[in-house]
Amino acid sequence: MSRPTKLDHGLDAWLATHEGWTRPGPHVIAKEFKFKDFASALAFVVRLGCLAEKKDHHPDVELGWGRVKVLWTTHDAGGITRLDLEMADATNALAT
């Protein structure tokens, strides 16, 4: 399986249509999700971890009481790839 390559364009358009996702740095997209309590936030992280294992693509995750911040990047590509956008969409689906 070939690894994805860094996106050269199209990221701004994607961000404009995906509420809550931001680009806090040149090589990462991020979103913070809110939950009713710590257990709900942790359960989301576990589901996300299972998905990440299936796709062999893993986010950075910050877990706190009632919140989870998810950051996607493709380290071996040196930035954001189509796979990161697909995983961000999947992350949104897990949170609903």
PDB file of N, CA and C in Angstrom:
ATOM      1  N   MET A   1       0.847  -1.183   0.000  1.00  0.00           N
ATOM      2  CA  MET A   1       0.000   0.000   0.000  1.00  0.00           C
ATOM      3  C   MET A   1       0.890   1.243   0.000  1.00  0.00           C
ATOM      4  N   SER A   2       0.645   2.142  -0.940  1.00  0.00           N
ATOM      5  CA  SER A   2       1.450   3.353  -0.998  1.00  0.00           C
ATOM      6  C   SER A   2       0.907   4.382  -0.014  1.00  0.00           C
ATOM      7  N   ARG A   3       1.811   5.143   0.536  1.00  0.00           N
ATOM      8  CA  ARG A   3       1.432   6.174   1.506  1.00  0.00           C
ATOM      9  C   ARG A   3       1.003   7.435   0.749  1.00  0.00           C
ATOM     10  N   PRO A   4       0.101   8.200   1.322  1.00  0.00           N
ATOM     11  CA  PRO A   4      -0.372   9.419   0.660  1.00  0.00           C
ATOM     12  C   PRO A   4       0.703  10.500   0.627  1.00  0.00           C
ATOM     13  N   THR A   5       0.520  11.424  -0.295  1.00  0.00           N
ATOM     14  CA  THR A   5       1.452  12.536  -0.423  1.00  0.00           C
ATOM     15  C   THR A   5       0.817  13.813   0.105  1.00  0.00           C
ATOM     16  N   LYS A   6       1.659  14.738   0.487  1.00  0.00           N
ATOM     17  CA  LYS A   6       1.237  16.021   1.052  1.00  0.00           C
ATOM     18  C   LYS A   6       0.373  16.781   0.045  1.00  0.00           C
ATOM     19  N   LEU A   7      -0.721  17.383   0.558  1.00  0.00           N
ATOM     20  CA  LEU A   7      -1.598  18.181  -0.292  1.00  0.00           C
ATOM     21  C   LEU A   7      -0.929  19.500  -0.643  1.00  0.00           C
ATOM     22  N   ASP A   8      -1.019  19.873  -1.912  1.00  0.00           N
ATOM     23  CA  ASP A   8      -0.479  21.154  -2.356  1.00  0.00           C
ATOM     24  C   ASP A   8      -1.546  22.233  -2.398  1.00  0.00           C
ATOM     25  N   HIS A   9      -2.815  21.820  -2.532  1.00  0.00           N
ATOM     26  CA  HIS A   9      -3.905  22.789  -2.606  1.00  0.00           C
ATOM     27  C   HIS A   9      -5.208  22.105  -2.195  1.00  0.00           C
ATOM     28  N   GLY A  10      -6.235  22.916  -1.989  1.00  0.00           N
ATOM     29  CA  GLY A  10      -7.546  22.387  -1.648  1.00  0.00           C
ATOM     30  C   GLY A  10      -7.862  22.357  -0.168  1.00  0.00           C
ATOM     31  N   LEU A  11      -6.873  22.575   0.677  1.00  0.00           N
ATOM     32  CA  LEU A  11      -7.101  22.485   2.115  1.00  0.00           C
ATOM     33  C   LEU A  11      -7.994  23.622   2.624  1.00  0.00           C
ATOM     34  N   ASP A  12      -7.793  24.827   2.134  1.00  0.00           N
ATOM     35  CA  ASP A  12      -8.622  25.954   2.581  1.00  0.00           C
ATOM     36  C   ASP A  12     -10.096  25.711   2.237  1.00  0.00           C
ATOM     37  N   ALA A  13     -10.357  25.167   1.070  1.00  0.00           N
ATOM     38  CA  ALA A  13     -11.737  24.866   0.677  1.00  0.00           C
ATOM     39  C   ALA A  13     -12.324  23.789   1.577  1.00  0.00           C
ATOM     40  N   TRP A  14     -11.525  22.789   1.911  1.00  0.00           N
ATOM     41  CA  TRP A  14     -12.006  21.722   2.805  1.00  0.00           C
ATOM     42  C   TRP A  14     -12.332  22.309   4.175  1.00  0.00           C
ATOM     43  N   LEU A  15     -11.438  23.114   4.718  1.00  0.00           N
ATOM     44  CA  LEU A  15     -11.666  23.721   6.034  1.00  0.00           C
ATOM     45  C   LEU A  15     -12.920  24.593   6.035  1.00  0.00           C
ATOM     46  N   ALA A  16     -13.180  25.280   4.947  1.00  0.00           N
ATOM     47  CA  ALA A  16     -14.344  26.165   4.865  1.00  0.00           C
ATOM     48  C   ALA A  16     -15.658  25.390   4.938  1.00  0.00           C
ATOM     49  N   THR A  17     -15.622  24.115   4.600  1.00  0.00           N
ATOM     50  CA  THR A  17     -16.845  23.306   4.606  1.00  0.00           C
ATOM     51  C   THR A  17     -16.900  22.315   5.761  1.00  0.00           C
ATOM     52  N   HIS A  18     -15.954  22.386   6.678  1.00  0.00           N
ATOM     53  CA  HIS A  18     -15.897  21.449   7.803  1.00  0.00           C
ATOM     54  C   HIS A  18     -15.795  22.235   9.110  1.00  0.00           C
ATOM     55  N   GLU A  19     -16.953  22.515   9.670  1.00  0.00           N
ATOM     56  CA  GLU A  19     -17.061  23.353  10.863  1.00  0.00           C
ATOM     57  C   GLU A  19     -16.211  22.818  12.023  1.00  0.00           C
ATOM     58  N   GLY A  20     -15.487  23.729  12.634  1.00  0.00           N
ATOM     59  CA  GLY A  20     -14.705  23.394  13.818  1.00  0.00           C
ATOM     60  C   GLY A  20     -13.279  22.968  13.538  1.00  0.00           C
ATOM     61  N   TRP A  21     -12.998  22.507  12.332  1.00  0.00           N
ATOM     62  CA  TRP A  21     -11.629  22.107  12.000  1.00  0.00           C
ATOM     63  C   TRP A  21     -10.811  23.350  11.688  1.00  0.00           C
ATOM     64  N   THR A  22      -9.604  23.389  12.242  1.00  0.00           N
ATOM     65  CA  THR A  22      -8.708  24.517  12.039  1.00  0.00           C
ATOM     66  C   THR A  22      -7.339  24.001  11.603  1.00  0.00           C
ATOM     67  N   ARG A  23      -6.507  24.926  11.244  1.00  0.00           N
ATOM     68  CA  ARG A  23      -5.118  24.618  10.870  1.00  0.00           C
ATOM     69  C   ARG A  23      -4.208  25.393  11.819  1.00  0.00           C
ATOM     70  N   PRO A  24      -3.954  24.839  13.022  1.00  0.00           N
ATOM     71  CA  PRO A  24      -3.159  25.564  14.010  1.00  0.00           C
ATOM     72  C   PRO A  24      -1.678  25.658  13.663  1.00  0.00           C
ATOM     73  N   GLY A  25      -1.257  24.946  12.669  1.00  0.00           N
ATOM     74  CA  GLY A  25       0.120  24.986  12.199  1.00  0.00           C
ATOM     75  C   GLY A  25       0.153  24.574  10.742  1.00  0.00           C
ATOM     76  N   PRO A  26       1.267  24.734  10.080  1.00  0.00           N
ATOM     77  CA  PRO A  26       1.322  24.460   8.642  1.00  0.00           C
ATOM     78  C   PRO A  26       1.162  22.984   8.276  1.00  0.00           C
ATOM     79  N   HIS A  27       1.334  22.085   9.253  1.00  0.00           N
ATOM     80  CA  HIS A  27       1.361  20.659   8.937  1.00  0.00           C
ATOM     81  C   HIS A  27       0.309  19.850   9.669  1.00  0.00           C
ATOM     82  N   VAL A  28      -0.744  20.513  10.189  1.00  0.00           N
ATOM     83  CA  VAL A  28      -1.712  19.799  11.017  1.00  0.00           C
ATOM     84  C   VAL A  28      -3.093  20.435  10.915  1.00  0.00           C
ATOM     85  N   ILE A  29      -4.129  19.591  11.026  1.00  0.00           N
ATOM     86  CA  ILE A  29      -5.491  20.078  11.207  1.00  0.00           C
ATOM     87  C   ILE A  29      -5.974  19.586  12.562  1.00  0.00           C
ATOM     88  N   ALA A  30      -6.869  20.355  13.187  1.00  0.00           N
ATOM     89  CA  ALA A  30      -7.287  20.021  14.549  1.00  0.00           C
ATOM     90  C   ALA A  30      -8.739  20.423  14.786  1.00  0.00           C
ATOM     91  N   LYS A  31      -9.361  19.732  15.738  1.00  0.00           N
ATOM     92  CA  LYS A  31     -10.703  20.082  16.175  1.00  0.00           C
ATOM     93  C   LYS A  31     -10.879  19.621  17.615  1.00  0.00           C
ATOM     94  N   GLU A  32     -11.594  20.438  18.395  1.00  0.00           N
ATOM     95  CA  GLU A  32     -11.918  20.054  19.765  1.00  0.00           C
ATOM     96  C   GLU A  32     -13.380  19.639  19.823  1.00  0.00           C
ATOM     97  N   PHE A  33     -13.617  18.496  20.422  1.00  0.00           N
ATOM     98  CA  PHE A  33     -14.954  17.943  20.585  1.00  0.00           C
ATOM     99  C   PHE A  33     -15.344  18.049  22.054  1.00  0.00           C
ATOM    100  N   LYS A  34     -16.609  18.374  22.305  1.00  0.00           N
ATOM    101  CA  LYS A  34     -17.122  18.508  23.670  1.00  0.00           C
ATOM    102  C   LYS A  34     -18.015  17.310  24.008  1.00  0.00           C
ATOM    103  N   PHE A  35     -17.939  16.870  25.271  1.00  0.00           N
ATOM    104  CA  PHE A  35     -18.723  15.743  25.767  1.00  0.00           C
ATOM    105  C   PHE A  35     -19.285  16.088  27.134  1.00  0.00           C
ATOM    106  N   LYS A  36     -20.274  15.320  27.584  1.00  0.00           N
ATOM    107  CA  LYS A  36     -20.955  15.640  28.846  1.00  0.00           C
ATOM    108  C   LYS A  36     -20.107  15.347  30.075  1.00  0.00           C
ATOM    109  N   ASP A  37     -19.108  14.466  29.944  1.00  0.00           N
ATOM    110  CA  ASP A  37     -18.275  14.118  31.097  1.00  0.00           C
ATOM    111  C   ASP A  37     -16.999  13.429  30.619  1.00  0.00           C
ATOM    112  N   PHE A  38     -16.152  13.070  31.569  1.00  0.00           N
ATOM    113  CA  PHE A  38     -14.880  12.431  31.238  1.00  0.00           C
ATOM    114  C   PHE A  38     -15.093  11.075  30.587  1.00  0.00           C
ATOM    115  N   ALA A  39     -16.029  10.273  31.116  1.00  0.00           N
ATOM    116  CA  ALA A  39     -16.256   8.920  30.583  1.00  0.00           C
ATOM    117  C   ALA A  39     -16.674   8.969  29.118  1.00  0.00           C
ATOM    118  N   SER A  40     -17.515   9.916  28.753  1.00  0.00           N
ATOM    119  CA  SER A  40     -17.946  10.044  27.354  1.00  0.00           C
ATOM    120  C   SER A  40     -16.778  10.448  26.459  1.00  0.00           C
ATOM    121  N   ALA A  41     -15.955  11.352  26.936  1.00  0.00           N
ATOM    122  CA  ALA A  41     -14.776  11.769  26.170  1.00  0.00           C
ATOM    123  C   ALA A  41     -13.812  10.603  25.993  1.00  0.00           C
ATOM    124  N   LEU A  42     -13.602   9.848  27.051  1.00  0.00           N
ATOM    125  CA  LEU A  42     -12.702   8.693  26.982  1.00  0.00           C
ATOM    126  C   LEU A  42     -13.240   7.634  26.027  1.00  0.00           C
ATOM    127  N   ALA A  43     -14.541   7.389  26.060  1.00  0.00           N
ATOM    128  CA  ALA A  43     -15.146   6.403  25.156  1.00  0.00           C
ATOM    129  C   ALA A  43     -14.934   6.817  23.694  1.00  0.00           C
ATOM    130  N   PHE A  44     -15.041   8.109  23.414  1.00  0.00           N
ATOM    131  CA  PHE A  44     -14.786   8.617  22.069  1.00  0.00           C
ATOM    132  C   PHE A  44     -13.340   8.349  21.660  1.00  0.00           C
ATOM    133  N   VAL A  45     -12.409   8.594  22.567  1.00  0.00           N
ATOM    134  CA  VAL A  45     -10.989   8.362  22.262  1.00  0.00           C
ATOM    135  C   VAL A  45     -10.742   6.878  21.978  1.00  0.00           C
ATOM    136  N   VAL A  46     -11.385   5.998  22.717  1.00  0.00           N
ATOM    137  CA  VAL A  46     -11.219   4.558  22.475  1.00  0.00           C
ATOM    138  C   VAL A  46     -11.749   4.189  21.087  1.00  0.00           C
ATOM    139  N   ARG A  47     -12.928   4.694  20.731  1.00  0.00           N
ATOM    140  CA  ARG A  47     -13.483   4.417  19.392  1.00  0.00           C
ATOM    141  C   ARG A  47     -12.563   4.967  18.299  1.00  0.00           C
ATOM    142  N   LEU A  48     -12.046   6.175  18.522  1.00  0.00           N
ATOM    143  CA  LEU A  48     -11.133   6.780  17.558  1.00  0.00           C
ATOM    144  C   LEU A  48      -9.852   5.958  17.431  1.00  0.00           C
ATOM    145  N   GLY A  49      -9.353   5.472  18.552  1.00  0.00           N
ATOM    146  CA  GLY A  49      -8.148   4.642  18.528  1.00  0.00           C
ATOM    147  C   GLY A  49      -8.354   3.360  17.741  1.00  0.00           C
ATOM    148  N   CYS A  50      -9.512   2.750  17.882  1.00  0.00           N
ATOM    149  CA  CYS A  50      -9.817   1.525  17.126  1.00  0.00           C
ATOM    150  C   CYS A  50      -9.862   1.814  15.630  1.00  0.00           C
ATOM    151  N   LEU A  51     -10.488   2.927  15.254  1.00  0.00           N
ATOM    152  CA  LEU A  51     -10.530   3.318  13.844  1.00  0.00           C
ATOM    153  C   LEU A  51      -9.126   3.594  13.319  1.00  0.00           C
ATOM    154  N   ALA A  52      -8.331   4.296  14.098  1.00  0.00           N
ATOM    155  CA  ALA A  52      -6.966   4.625  13.686  1.00  0.00           C
ATOM    156  C   ALA A  52      -6.146   3.360  13.454  1.00  0.00           C
ATOM    157  N   GLU A  53      -6.317   2.367  14.308  1.00  0.00           N
ATOM    158  CA  GLU A  53      -5.600   1.098  14.130  1.00  0.00           C
ATOM    159  C   GLU A  53      -6.008   0.414  12.831  1.00  0.00           C
ATOM    160  N   LYS A  54      -7.309   0.410  12.533  1.00  0.00           N
ATOM    161  CA  LYS A  54      -7.792  -0.217  11.295  1.00  0.00           C
ATOM    162  C   LYS A  54      -7.202   0.453  10.061  1.00  0.00           C
ATOM    163  N   LYS A  55      -7.063   1.766  10.114  1.00  0.00           N
ATOM    164  CA  LYS A  55      -6.568   2.534   8.966  1.00  0.00           C
ATOM    165  C   LYS A  55      -5.052   2.713   8.977  1.00  0.00           C
ATOM    166  N   ASP A  56      -4.399   2.250  10.052  1.00  0.00           N
ATOM    167  CA  ASP A  56      -2.950   2.425  10.219  1.00  0.00           C
ATOM    168  C   ASP A  56      -2.549   3.898  10.054  1.00  0.00           C
ATOM    169  N   HIS A  57      -3.352   4.759  10.686  1.00  0.00           N
ATOM    170  CA  HIS A  57      -3.092   6.198  10.651  1.00  0.00           C
ATOM    171  C   HIS A  57      -3.584   6.758  11.977  1.00  0.00           C
ATOM    172  N   HIS A  58      -2.700   7.363  12.744  1.00  0.00           N
ATOM    173  CA  HIS A  58      -2.978   7.672  14.139  1.00  0.00           C
ATOM    174  C   HIS A  58      -2.887   9.168  14.425  1.00  0.00           C
ATOM    175  N   PRO A  59      -3.903   9.706  15.100  1.00  0.00           N
ATOM    176  CA  PRO A  59      -3.882  11.128  15.440  1.00  0.00           C
ATOM    177  C   PRO A  59      -3.135  11.381  16.739  1.00  0.00           C
ATOM    178  N   ASP A  60      -2.821  12.630  16.973  1.00  0.00           N
ATOM    179  CA  ASP A  60      -2.456  13.073  18.308  1.00  0.00           C
ATOM    180  C   ASP A  60      -3.769  13.427  18.987  1.00  0.00           C
ATOM    181  N   VAL A  61      -3.895  13.064  20.262  1.00  0.00           N
ATOM    182  CA  VAL A  61      -5.139  13.260  20.998  1.00  0.00           C
ATOM    183  C   VAL A  61      -4.837  13.897  22.342  1.00  0.00           C
ATOM    184  N   GLU A  62      -5.607  14.931  22.688  1.00  0.00           N
ATOM    185  CA  GLU A  62      -5.538  15.543  24.017  1.00  0.00           C
ATOM    186  C   GLU A  62      -6.882  15.306  24.693  1.00  0.00           C
ATOM    187  N   LEU A  63      -6.862  14.573  25.797  1.00  0.00           N
ATOM    188  CA  LEU A  63      -8.075  14.205  26.514  1.00  0.00           C
ATOM    189  C   LEU A  63      -8.171  14.974  27.821  1.00  0.00           C
ATOM    190  N   GLY A  64      -9.331  15.543  28.072  1.00  0.00           N
ATOM    191  CA  GLY A  64      -9.588  16.237  29.323  1.00  0.00           C
ATOM    192  C   GLY A  64     -11.023  15.992  29.751  1.00  0.00           C
ATOM    193  N   TRP A  65     -11.423  16.557  30.864  1.00  0.00           N
ATOM    194  CA  TRP A  65     -12.779  16.360  31.347  1.00  0.00           C
ATOM    195  C   TRP A  65     -13.755  16.994  30.352  1.00  0.00           C
ATOM    196  N   GLY A  66     -14.547  16.141  29.690  1.00  0.00           N
ATOM    197  CA  GLY A  66     -15.571  16.616  28.778  1.00  0.00           C
ATOM    198  C   GLY A  66     -15.073  17.175  27.460  1.00  0.00           C
ATOM    199  N   ARG A  67     -13.819  16.922  27.136  1.00  0.00           N
ATOM    200  CA  ARG A  67     -13.295  17.445  25.866  1.00  0.00           C
ATOM    201  C   ARG A  67     -12.208  16.541  25.306  1.00  0.00           C
ATOM    202  N   VAL A  68     -12.123  16.534  23.993  1.00  0.00           N
ATOM    203  CA  VAL A  68     -11.058  15.819  23.289  1.00  0.00           C
ATOM    204  C   VAL A  68     -10.613  16.685  22.123  1.00  0.00           C
ATOM    205  N   LYS A  69      -9.333  16.947  22.045  1.00  0.00           N
ATOM    206  CA  LYS A  69      -8.772  17.647  20.892  1.00  0.00           C
ATOM    207  C   LYS A  69      -8.065  16.607  20.027  1.00  0.00           C
ATOM    208  N   VAL A  70      -8.415  16.589  18.743  1.00  0.00           N
ATOM    209  CA  VAL A  70      -7.847  15.624  17.800  1.00  0.00           C
ATOM    210  C   VAL A  70      -7.041  16.391  16.767  1.00  0.00           C
ATOM    211  N   LEU A  71      -5.814  15.936  16.531  1.00  0.00           N
ATOM    212  CA  LEU A  71      -4.925  16.564  15.557  1.00  0.00           C
ATOM    213  C   LEU A  71      -4.485  15.514  14.544  1.00  0.00           C
ATOM    214  N   TRP A  72      -4.672  15.831  13.267  1.00  0.00           N
ATOM    215  CA  TRP A  72      -4.278  14.917  12.195  1.00  0.00           C
ATOM    216  C   TRP A  72      -3.151  15.515  11.366  1.00  0.00           C
ATOM    217  N   THR A  73      -2.163  14.694  11.047  1.00  0.00           N
ATOM    218  CA  THR A  73      -1.092  15.016  10.115  1.00  0.00           C
ATOM    219  C   THR A  73      -0.503  13.697   9.632  1.00  0.00           C
ATOM    220  N   THR A  74       0.205  13.741   8.547  1.00  0.00           N
ATOM    221  CA  THR A  74       0.901  12.549   8.049  1.00  0.00           C
ATOM    222  C   THR A  74       2.390  12.840   8.144  1.00  0.00           C
ATOM    223  N   HIS A  75       2.992  12.333   9.195  1.00  0.00           N
ATOM    224  CA  HIS A  75       4.396  12.651   9.476  1.00  0.00           C
ATOM    225  C   HIS A  75       5.323  12.266   8.334  1.00  0.00           C
ATOM    226  N   ASP A  76       5.144  11.066   7.776  1.00  0.00           N
ATOM    227  CA  ASP A  76       6.078  10.633   6.734  1.00  0.00           C
ATOM    228  C   ASP A  76       5.897  11.393   5.419  1.00  0.00           C
ATOM    229  N   ALA A  77       4.778  12.106   5.260  1.00  0.00           N
ATOM    230  CA  ALA A  77       4.577  12.954   4.077  1.00  0.00           C
ATOM    231  C   ALA A  77       4.989  14.397   4.352  1.00  0.00           C
ATOM    232  N   GLY A  78       5.215  14.717   5.611  1.00  0.00           N
ATOM    233  CA  GLY A  78       5.636  16.064   5.970  1.00  0.00           C
ATOM    234  C   GLY A  78       4.514  17.086   5.994  1.00  0.00           C
ATOM    235  N   GLY A  79       3.282  16.613   6.210  1.00  0.00           N
ATOM    236  CA  GLY A  79       2.176  17.556   6.271  1.00  0.00           C
ATOM    237  C   GLY A  79       0.829  16.879   6.153  1.00  0.00           C
ATOM    238  N   ILE A  80      -0.139  17.634   5.694  1.00  0.00           N
ATOM    239  CA  ILE A  80      -1.522  17.170   5.612  1.00  0.00           C
ATOM    240  C   ILE A  80      -1.745  16.486   4.266  1.00  0.00           C
ATOM    241  N   THR A  81      -2.375  15.315   4.322  1.00  0.00           N
ATOM    242  CA  THR A  81      -2.656  14.530   3.123  1.00  0.00           C
ATOM    243  C   THR A  81      -4.154  14.267   3.013  1.00  0.00           C
ATOM    244  N   ARG A  82      -4.565  13.695   1.899  1.00  0.00           N
ATOM    245  CA  ARG A  82      -5.958  13.299   1.698  1.00  0.00           C
ATOM    246  C   ARG A  82      -6.387  12.344   2.809  1.00  0.00           C
ATOM    247  N   LEU A  83      -5.505  11.483   3.283  1.00  0.00           N
ATOM    248  CA  LEU A  83      -5.827  10.548   4.360  1.00  0.00           C
ATOM    249  C   LEU A  83      -6.214  11.299   5.638  1.00  0.00           C
ATOM    250  N   ASP A  84      -5.547  12.395   5.942  1.00  0.00           N
ATOM    251  CA  ASP A  84      -5.898  13.190   7.125  1.00  0.00           C
ATOM    252  C   ASP A  84      -7.315  13.749   6.999  1.00  0.00           C
ATOM    253  N   LEU A  85      -7.672  14.212   5.803  1.00  0.00           N
ATOM    254  CA  LEU A  85      -9.016  14.744   5.598  1.00  0.00           C
ATOM    255  C   LEU A  85     -10.068  13.640   5.726  1.00  0.00           C
ATOM    256  N   GLU A  86      -9.766  12.482   5.184  1.00  0.00           N
ATOM    257  CA  GLU A  86     -10.683  11.344   5.316  1.00  0.00           C
ATOM    258  C   GLU A  86     -10.853  10.945   6.776  1.00  0.00           C
ATOM    259  N   MET A  87      -9.748  10.941   7.519  1.00  0.00           N
ATOM    260  CA  MET A  87      -9.821  10.571   8.937  1.00  0.00           C
ATOM    261  C   MET A  87     -10.528  11.662   9.761  1.00  0.00           C
ATOM    262  N   ALA A  88     -10.387  12.914   9.366  1.00  0.00           N
ATOM    263  CA  ALA A  88     -11.132  13.984  10.039  1.00  0.00           C
ATOM    264  C   ALA A  88     -12.634  13.793   9.829  1.00  0.00           C
ATOM    265  N   ASP A  89     -13.025  13.455   8.608  1.00  0.00           N
ATOM    266  CA  ASP A  89     -14.439  13.163   8.352  1.00  0.00           C
ATOM    267  C   ASP A  89     -14.918  11.992   9.183  1.00  0.00           C
ATOM    268  N   ALA A  90     -14.109  10.950   9.277  1.00  0.00           N
ATOM    269  CA  ALA A  90     -14.463   9.777  10.096  1.00  0.00           C
ATOM    270  C   ALA A  90     -14.533  10.148  11.582  1.00  0.00           C
ATOM    271  N   THR A  91     -13.667  11.057  12.010  1.00  0.00           N
ATOM    272  CA  THR A  91     -13.680  11.520  13.390  1.00  0.00           C
ATOM    273  C   THR A  91     -14.998  12.233  13.691  1.00  0.00           C
ATOM    274  N   ASN A  92     -15.431  13.088  12.768  1.00  0.00           N
ATOM    275  CA  ASN A  92     -16.721  13.761  12.921  1.00  0.00           C
ATOM    276  C   ASN A  92     -17.850  12.743  13.058  1.00  0.00           C
ATOM    277  N   ALA A  93     -17.825  11.717  12.234  1.00  0.00           N
ATOM    278  CA  ALA A  93     -18.880  10.702  12.262  1.00  0.00           C
ATOM    279  C   ALA A  93     -18.894   9.967  13.597  1.00  0.00           C
ATOM    280  N   LEU A  94     -17.732   9.712  14.158  1.00  0.00           N
ATOM    281  CA  LEU A  94     -17.660   9.022  15.466  1.00  0.00           C
ATOM    282  C   LEU A  94     -18.239   9.883  16.582  1.00  0.00           C
ATOM    283  N   ALA A  95     -18.150  11.183  16.432  1.00  0.00           N
ATOM    284  CA  ALA A  95     -18.578  12.096  17.501  1.00  0.00           C
ATOM    285  C   ALA A  95     -20.091  12.316  17.512  1.00  0.00           C
ATOM    286  N   THR A  96     -20.782  11.880  16.477  1.00  0.00           N
ATOM    287  CA  THR A  96     -22.234  12.110  16.425  1.00  0.00           C
ATOM    288  C   THR A  96     -23.019  10.960  17.028  1.00  0.00           C
TER     289      THR A  96
END
